[in-house]
Amino acid sequence: MKYFLSFTVLLSLFMLYTQTAKEYFQEGKRKYQLEITGAYELFEKAIELDSNYWQAYYYRGLIFARSVFPSIEVYNDFNKVIELNPNFDSAYFHRGLVRTSLHGEHESIKDFTKAIELNPEYGEAYYQRGQKYYWLKEYQSALSDFKESTRIYPNWEVPYVERGLLKNDLGDYRGAILDYTKAIEINVKNAWNYMYRANAKSKLSDDNEALLDYNKSILLDSKNFLCFQNRALCKNKLKDYKDEIYDWTKVIELQPDWIDAYIGRGFAKFQSLDKKGACLDWSTAGEKGSMYAYDLIKKYCNN
């Protein structure tokens, strides 16, 4: 009877112990989904009470990943999850995100591949692996993964944009335009997608159509100096030097130390027969460190 009572007491304590860890975890998960604040401490408590509570390690890792630059602490939490539950696809996925910064693209690809093996419909894993292949210039593998990602998530704009950028790099401007167009259909308010499509149209010398996309992009985001720069270059091709000067001036307002803007505006002024203005812009570019600007001054201004 004595031994039976002792066993009963121990079993009751064990059940209380497990329930308490679960309660901390459930409360932490609730806070994580609502606001994050306070969730970390609750997951810590759950782990203190049950060092094999893999879900608590997983969510603590997610908090680390959202709060700080990828670190060994985040990596270790996802490692622990995989040790305790080696068939949990999301742990490999999130460890892959961390490994990109800590160990490089090749190592992260291994984790994304494992996540896909466990879940062949893991669209985000295909996208992330495709992106890493893109960075490694393994273009066909990247295209294959982006294709799978868009198949699984046909209404997610990101893989279309990434594939468009890749096609643009490969010189497939028409293919890039199709992808950017699909991304725009999904999200009409992303200014960058209009700029990317304009860039591809400009490469095909469809400059009037490109100009419309640049205009739309700037309407959505008037702080993107790169779009003003690209529109300036497009206007140069259309010989609209007055408006080109306006765009270069906007670039300078947004990025006063952007040397290319002074060079570009100088050329636009020179083509507008404002030699003095051109030479002043090139002089400013020279003062900011451009040796090319001094070559232009020597060639066009010292006579």
Protein backbone atom coordinates (compact mmCIF):
# COMPACT_ATOMS: atom_id res chain seq x y z
CA MET A 1 0.00 0.00 0.00
CA LYS A 2 2.86 2.37 0.93
CA TYR A 3 4.56 1.82 -2.41
CA PHE A 4 1.25 2.17 -4.25
CA LEU A 5 0.59 5.53 -2.59
CA SER A 6 4.10 6.74 -3.42
CA PHE A 7 3.65 5.73 -7.04
CA THR A 8 0.26 7.47 -7.13
CA VAL A 9 1.76 10.67 -5.71
CA LEU A 10 4.62 10.59 -8.22
CA LEU A 11 2.21 9.97 -11.09
CA SER A 12 0.05 12.89 -9.95
CA LEU A 13 3.09 15.16 -9.75
CA PHE A 14 4.21 14.05 -13.20
CA MET A 15 0.77 14.77 -14.66
CA LEU A 16 0.71 18.21 -12.98
CA TYR A 17 4.24 18.89 -14.26
CA THR A 18 3.30 17.99 -17.85
CA GLN A 19 0.04 19.93 -17.74
CA THR A 20 1.84 23.01 -16.42
CA ALA A 21 4.37 22.95 -19.26
CA LYS A 22 1.52 22.56 -21.72
CA GLU A 23 -0.35 25.46 -20.14
CA TYR A 24 2.67 27.72 -20.42
CA PHE A 25 3.09 26.69 -24.04
CA GLN A 26 -0.58 27.25 -24.93
CA GLU A 27 -0.56 30.70 -23.32
CA GLY A 28 2.71 31.53 -25.08
CA LYS A 29 1.28 30.43 -28.41
CA ARG A 30 -1.80 32.58 -27.85
CA LYS A 31 0.38 35.63 -27.11
CA TYR A 32 2.61 34.86 -30.10
CA GLN A 33 -0.35 34.85 -32.45
CA LEU A 34 -1.73 38.10 -31.01
CA GLU A 35 1.25 40.33 -30.26
CA ILE A 36 4.38 38.29 -29.38
CA THR A 37 5.02 40.38 -26.22
CA GLY A 38 5.46 38.02 -23.29
CA ALA A 39 5.37 34.86 -25.41
CA TYR A 40 9.12 34.25 -25.21
CA GLU A 41 9.11 34.03 -21.40
CA LEU A 42 6.23 31.56 -21.49
CA PHE A 43 8.01 29.30 -23.97
CA GLU A 44 11.13 29.52 -21.79
CA LYS A 45 9.09 28.37 -18.81
CA ALA A 46 7.59 25.48 -20.75
CA ILE A 47 11.10 24.34 -21.77
CA GLU A 48 12.32 24.61 -18.18
CA LEU A 49 9.51 22.30 -17.09
CA ASP A 50 9.81 19.91 -20.03
CA SER A 51 13.10 19.89 -21.93
CA ASN A 52 11.55 17.66 -24.62
CA TYR A 53 8.70 20.02 -25.46
CA TRP A 54 9.66 20.45 -29.11
CA GLN A 55 6.77 22.80 -29.91
CA ALA A 56 8.10 25.29 -27.34
CA TYR A 57 11.57 25.21 -28.95
CA TYR A 58 9.95 25.76 -32.34
CA TYR A 59 7.97 28.82 -31.31
CA ARG A 60 10.87 30.24 -29.33
CA GLY A 61 12.97 29.87 -32.48
CA LEU A 62 10.32 31.74 -34.47
CA ILE A 63 10.41 34.59 -31.96
CA PHE A 64 14.21 34.71 -32.12
CA ALA A 65 14.04 34.74 -35.93
CA ARG A 66 11.57 37.66 -35.95
CA SER A 67 13.32 39.67 -33.26
CA VAL A 68 17.05 39.44 -34.00
CA PHE A 69 19.45 38.86 -36.85
CA PRO A 70 19.72 35.11 -37.54
CA SER A 71 21.94 33.73 -34.80
CA ILE A 72 23.26 30.50 -33.35
CA GLU A 73 20.50 30.64 -30.71
CA VAL A 74 17.82 30.49 -33.39
CA TYR A 75 19.72 27.75 -35.20
CA ASN A 76 20.04 25.71 -32.00
CA ASP A 77 16.31 25.90 -31.29
CA PHE A 78 15.41 24.53 -34.72
CA ASN A 79 18.14 21.90 -34.32
CA LYS A 80 16.48 20.80 -31.09
CA VAL A 81 13.09 20.59 -32.78
CA ILE A 82 14.56 18.36 -35.50
CA GLU A 83 16.28 16.20 -32.89
CA LEU A 84 12.98 15.68 -31.06
CA ASN A 85 10.73 15.52 -34.14
CA PRO A 86 12.80 14.70 -37.25
CA ASN A 87 9.73 14.62 -39.55
CA PHE A 88 8.57 18.19 -38.89
CA ASP A 89 8.95 19.92 -42.24
CA SER A 90 8.64 23.51 -40.96
CA ALA A 91 11.64 23.07 -38.64
CA TYR A 92 13.87 22.30 -41.64
CA PHE A 93 12.36 25.23 -43.54
CA HIS A 94 13.05 27.74 -40.78
CA ARG A 95 16.48 26.32 -40.05
CA GLY A 96 17.18 26.76 -43.76
CA LEU A 97 16.34 30.45 -43.50
CA VAL A 98 18.80 30.81 -40.63
CA ARG A 99 21.50 28.73 -42.30
CA THR A 100 21.56 31.07 -45.29
CA SER A 101 23.13 33.74 -43.10
CA LEU A 102 25.18 31.44 -40.87
CA HIS A 103 26.44 28.81 -43.29
CA GLY A 104 25.65 29.94 -46.83
CA GLU A 105 23.28 28.99 -49.61
CA HIS A 106 24.48 25.40 -50.15
CA GLU A 107 23.69 24.43 -46.57
CA SER A 108 20.31 26.15 -46.58
CA ILE A 109 19.38 24.34 -49.81
CA LYS A 110 19.84 21.03 -47.97
CA ASP A 111 17.24 22.05 -45.40
CA PHE A 112 14.74 23.33 -47.97
CA THR A 113 15.20 20.08 -49.89
CA LYS A 114 14.45 18.06 -46.76
CA ALA A 115 11.36 20.16 -46.08
CA ILE A 116 10.16 19.45 -49.63
CA GLU A 117 10.85 15.71 -49.22
CA LEU A 118 8.62 15.72 -46.14
CA ASN A 119 6.00 17.96 -47.75
CA PRO A 120 6.06 17.98 -51.58
CA GLU A 121 3.49 20.80 -51.62
CA TYR A 122 5.60 23.18 -49.51
CA GLY A 123 5.42 26.18 -51.84
CA GLU A 124 7.47 28.52 -49.66
CA ALA A 125 10.28 25.96 -49.49
CA TYR A 126 10.38 25.76 -53.29
CA TYR A 127 10.52 29.55 -53.44
CA GLN A 128 13.33 29.84 -50.89
CA ARG A 129 15.35 27.07 -52.51
CA GLY A 130 14.79 28.65 -55.92
CA GLN A 131 16.02 31.98 -54.60
CA LYS A 132 19.21 30.38 -53.24
CA TYR A 133 19.79 28.60 -56.56
CA TYR A 134 19.33 31.99 -58.25
CA TRP A 135 21.97 33.55 -55.99
CA LEU A 136 24.31 30.66 -56.82
CA LYS A 137 23.61 31.21 -60.56
CA GLU A 138 22.11 27.73 -60.90
CA TYR A 139 19.44 29.23 -63.09
CA GLN A 140 17.62 26.18 -64.41
CA SER A 141 17.19 24.77 -60.91
CA ALA A 142 15.92 28.16 -59.78
CA LEU A 143 13.41 28.37 -62.64
CA SER A 144 12.16 24.87 -61.83
CA ASP A 145 11.60 25.75 -58.17
CA PHE A 146 9.87 29.05 -58.95
CA LYS A 147 7.58 27.16 -61.32
CA GLU A 148 6.62 24.74 -58.54
CA SER A 149 6.07 27.59 -56.11
CA THR A 150 3.70 29.38 -58.51
CA ARG A 151 1.87 26.11 -59.17
CA ILE A 152 1.24 25.58 -55.46
CA TYR A 153 0.55 29.25 -54.69
CA PRO A 154 -0.81 30.75 -57.93
CA ASN A 155 -1.94 33.92 -56.11
CA TRP A 156 1.35 34.68 -54.34
CA GLU A 157 3.13 37.52 -56.16
CA VAL A 158 6.66 36.99 -54.77
CA PRO A 159 7.79 33.97 -56.85
CA TYR A 160 6.49 35.62 -60.02
CA VAL A 161 8.58 38.70 -59.28
CA GLU A 162 11.68 36.66 -58.47
CA ARG A 163 11.27 34.58 -61.62
CA GLY A 164 10.77 37.78 -63.60
CA LEU A 165 14.05 39.16 -62.25
CA LEU A 166 15.81 35.93 -63.18
CA LYS A 167 14.37 35.92 -66.69
CA ASN A 168 15.42 39.54 -67.03
CA ASP A 169 18.99 38.60 -66.07
CA LEU A 170 18.90 35.85 -68.69
CA GLY A 171 17.75 38.29 -71.38
CA ASP A 172 14.25 36.81 -71.60
CA TYR A 173 12.55 40.19 -71.33
CA ARG A 174 9.23 39.05 -72.76
CA GLY A 175 9.08 36.21 -70.27
CA ALA A 176 9.97 38.62 -67.50
CA ILE A 177 7.15 40.97 -68.54
CA LEU A 178 4.66 38.11 -68.34
CA ASP A 179 5.75 37.34 -64.78
CA TYR A 180 5.71 40.98 -63.68
CA THR A 181 2.26 41.37 -65.23
CA LYS A 182 0.99 38.38 -63.25
CA ALA A 183 2.48 39.87 -60.07
CA ILE A 184 0.72 43.18 -60.82
CA GLU A 185 -2.59 41.39 -61.34
CA ILE A 186 -2.19 39.89 -57.87
CA ASN A 187 -1.07 43.13 -56.22
CA VAL A 188 -1.79 46.33 -58.10
CA LYS A 189 -0.26 48.51 -55.37
CA ASN A 190 3.34 47.24 -55.46
CA ALA A 191 5.29 50.06 -57.09
CA TRP A 192 8.41 47.96 -57.63
CA ASN A 193 6.62 45.54 -59.96
CA TYR A 194 5.69 48.35 -62.34
CA MET A 195 9.29 49.55 -62.31
CA TYR A 196 10.60 46.06 -63.02
CA ARG A 197 8.17 45.67 -65.91
CA ALA A 198 9.14 49.09 -67.23
CA ASN A 199 12.81 48.10 -67.13
CA ALA A 200 12.08 45.00 -69.22
CA LYS A 201 9.98 46.99 -71.71
CA SER A 202 12.79 49.50 -72.04
CA LYS A 203 15.21 46.66 -72.83
CA LEU A 204 12.88 45.78 -75.72
CA SER A 205 12.91 49.47 -76.80
CA ASP A 206 9.21 49.74 -76.00
CA ASP A 207 9.96 53.05 -74.32
CA ASN A 208 6.54 54.68 -74.47
CA GLU A 209 4.98 51.70 -72.70
CA ALA A 210 7.89 51.65 -70.29
CA LEU A 211 7.26 55.30 -69.49
CA LEU A 212 3.65 54.52 -68.53
CA ASP A 213 4.85 51.88 -66.06
CA TYR A 214 7.47 54.22 -64.59
CA ASN A 215 4.76 56.84 -64.13
CA LYS A 216 2.54 54.34 -62.33
CA SER A 217 5.39 53.21 -60.10
CA ILE A 218 6.23 56.77 -59.09
CA LEU A 219 2.56 57.53 -58.47
CA LEU A 220 2.55 54.66 -55.96
CA ASP A 221 5.96 55.44 -54.44
CA SER A 222 7.39 58.91 -54.94
CA LYS A 223 10.46 58.14 -52.77
CA ASN A 224 12.00 55.48 -54.99
CA PHE A 225 14.99 57.28 -56.47
CA LEU A 226 15.86 54.31 -58.68
CA CYS A 227 12.57 54.66 -60.51
CA PHE A 228 13.21 58.36 -61.16
CA GLN A 229 16.67 57.41 -62.44
CA ASN A 230 15.32 54.72 -64.77
CA ARG A 231 12.58 57.03 -66.02
CA ALA A 232 15.24 59.66 -66.73
CA LEU A 233 17.16 57.16 -68.85
CA CYS A 234 13.95 56.24 -70.67
CA LYS A 235 13.20 59.91 -71.37
CA ASN A 236 16.72 60.30 -72.70
CA LYS A 237 15.99 57.59 -75.26
CA LEU A 238 12.83 59.48 -76.18
CA LYS A 239 14.90 62.71 -76.43
CA ASP A 240 12.70 64.39 -73.82
CA TYR A 241 15.63 66.18 -72.18
CA LYS A 242 13.61 68.76 -70.25
CA ASP A 243 11.65 66.10 -68.34
CA GLU A 244 14.80 63.99 -68.06
CA ILE A 245 16.47 66.87 -66.18
CA TYR A 246 13.46 66.99 -63.84
CA ASP A 247 13.87 63.28 -63.01
CA TRP A 248 17.60 63.56 -62.37
CA THR A 249 16.88 66.51 -60.08
CA LYS A 250 14.40 64.34 -58.14
CA VAL A 251 17.07 61.65 -57.80
CA ILE A 252 19.45 64.25 -56.35
CA GLU A 253 16.79 65.50 -53.94
CA LEU A 254 16.26 61.95 -52.68
CA GLN A 255 19.93 60.88 -52.80
CA PRO A 256 22.20 63.95 -52.72
CA ASP A 257 25.39 61.88 -52.95
CA TRP A 258 24.28 59.77 -55.92
CA ILE A 259 27.08 60.60 -58.38
CA ASP A 260 25.39 59.02 -61.40
CA ALA A 261 22.55 61.54 -61.08
CA TYR A 262 24.91 64.49 -61.51
CA ILE A 263 26.57 62.77 -64.47
CA GLY A 264 23.18 61.99 -66.04
CA ARG A 265 21.74 65.43 -65.46
CA GLY A 266 24.90 66.93 -66.89
CA PHE A 267 24.43 64.97 -70.12
CA ALA A 268 20.75 65.98 -70.32
CA LYS A 269 21.70 69.65 -69.87
CA PHE A 270 24.48 69.34 -72.46
CA GLN A 271 22.01 67.82 -74.93
CA SER A 272 19.67 70.73 -74.12
CA LEU A 273 22.51 73.11 -75.09
CA ASP A 274 23.05 74.17 -71.47
CA LYS A 275 26.80 73.65 -71.48
CA LYS A 276 27.41 75.72 -68.37
CA GLY A 277 24.83 73.76 -66.38
CA ALA A 278 26.28 70.47 -67.62
CA CYS A 279 29.79 71.43 -66.60
CA LEU A 280 28.61 72.50 -63.14
CA ASP A 281 26.93 69.11 -62.61
CA TRP A 282 30.01 67.24 -63.77
CA SER A 283 32.14 69.40 -61.49
CA THR A 284 29.93 68.43 -58.55
CA ALA A 285 30.25 64.76 -59.52
CA GLY A 286 34.02 65.19 -59.60
CA GLU A 287 34.03 66.77 -56.15
CA LYS A 288 32.09 63.74 -54.92
CA GLY A 289 34.76 61.39 -56.22
CA SER A 290 34.06 60.67 -59.90
CA MET A 291 37.18 60.60 -62.10
CA TYR A 292 34.92 60.06 -65.12
CA ALA A 293 33.37 63.48 -64.43
CA TYR A 294 36.78 65.14 -64.76
CA ASP A 295 37.26 63.38 -68.09
CA LEU A 296 33.95 64.85 -69.26
CA ILE A 297 34.98 68.33 -68.11
CA LYS A 298 38.27 68.02 -69.94
CA LYS A 299 36.50 66.87 -73.10
CA TYR A 300 33.49 69.19 -73.17
CA CYS A 301 34.09 72.13 -70.84
CA ASN A 302 37.69 73.30 -71.25
CA ASN A 303 37.24 74.94 -74.63
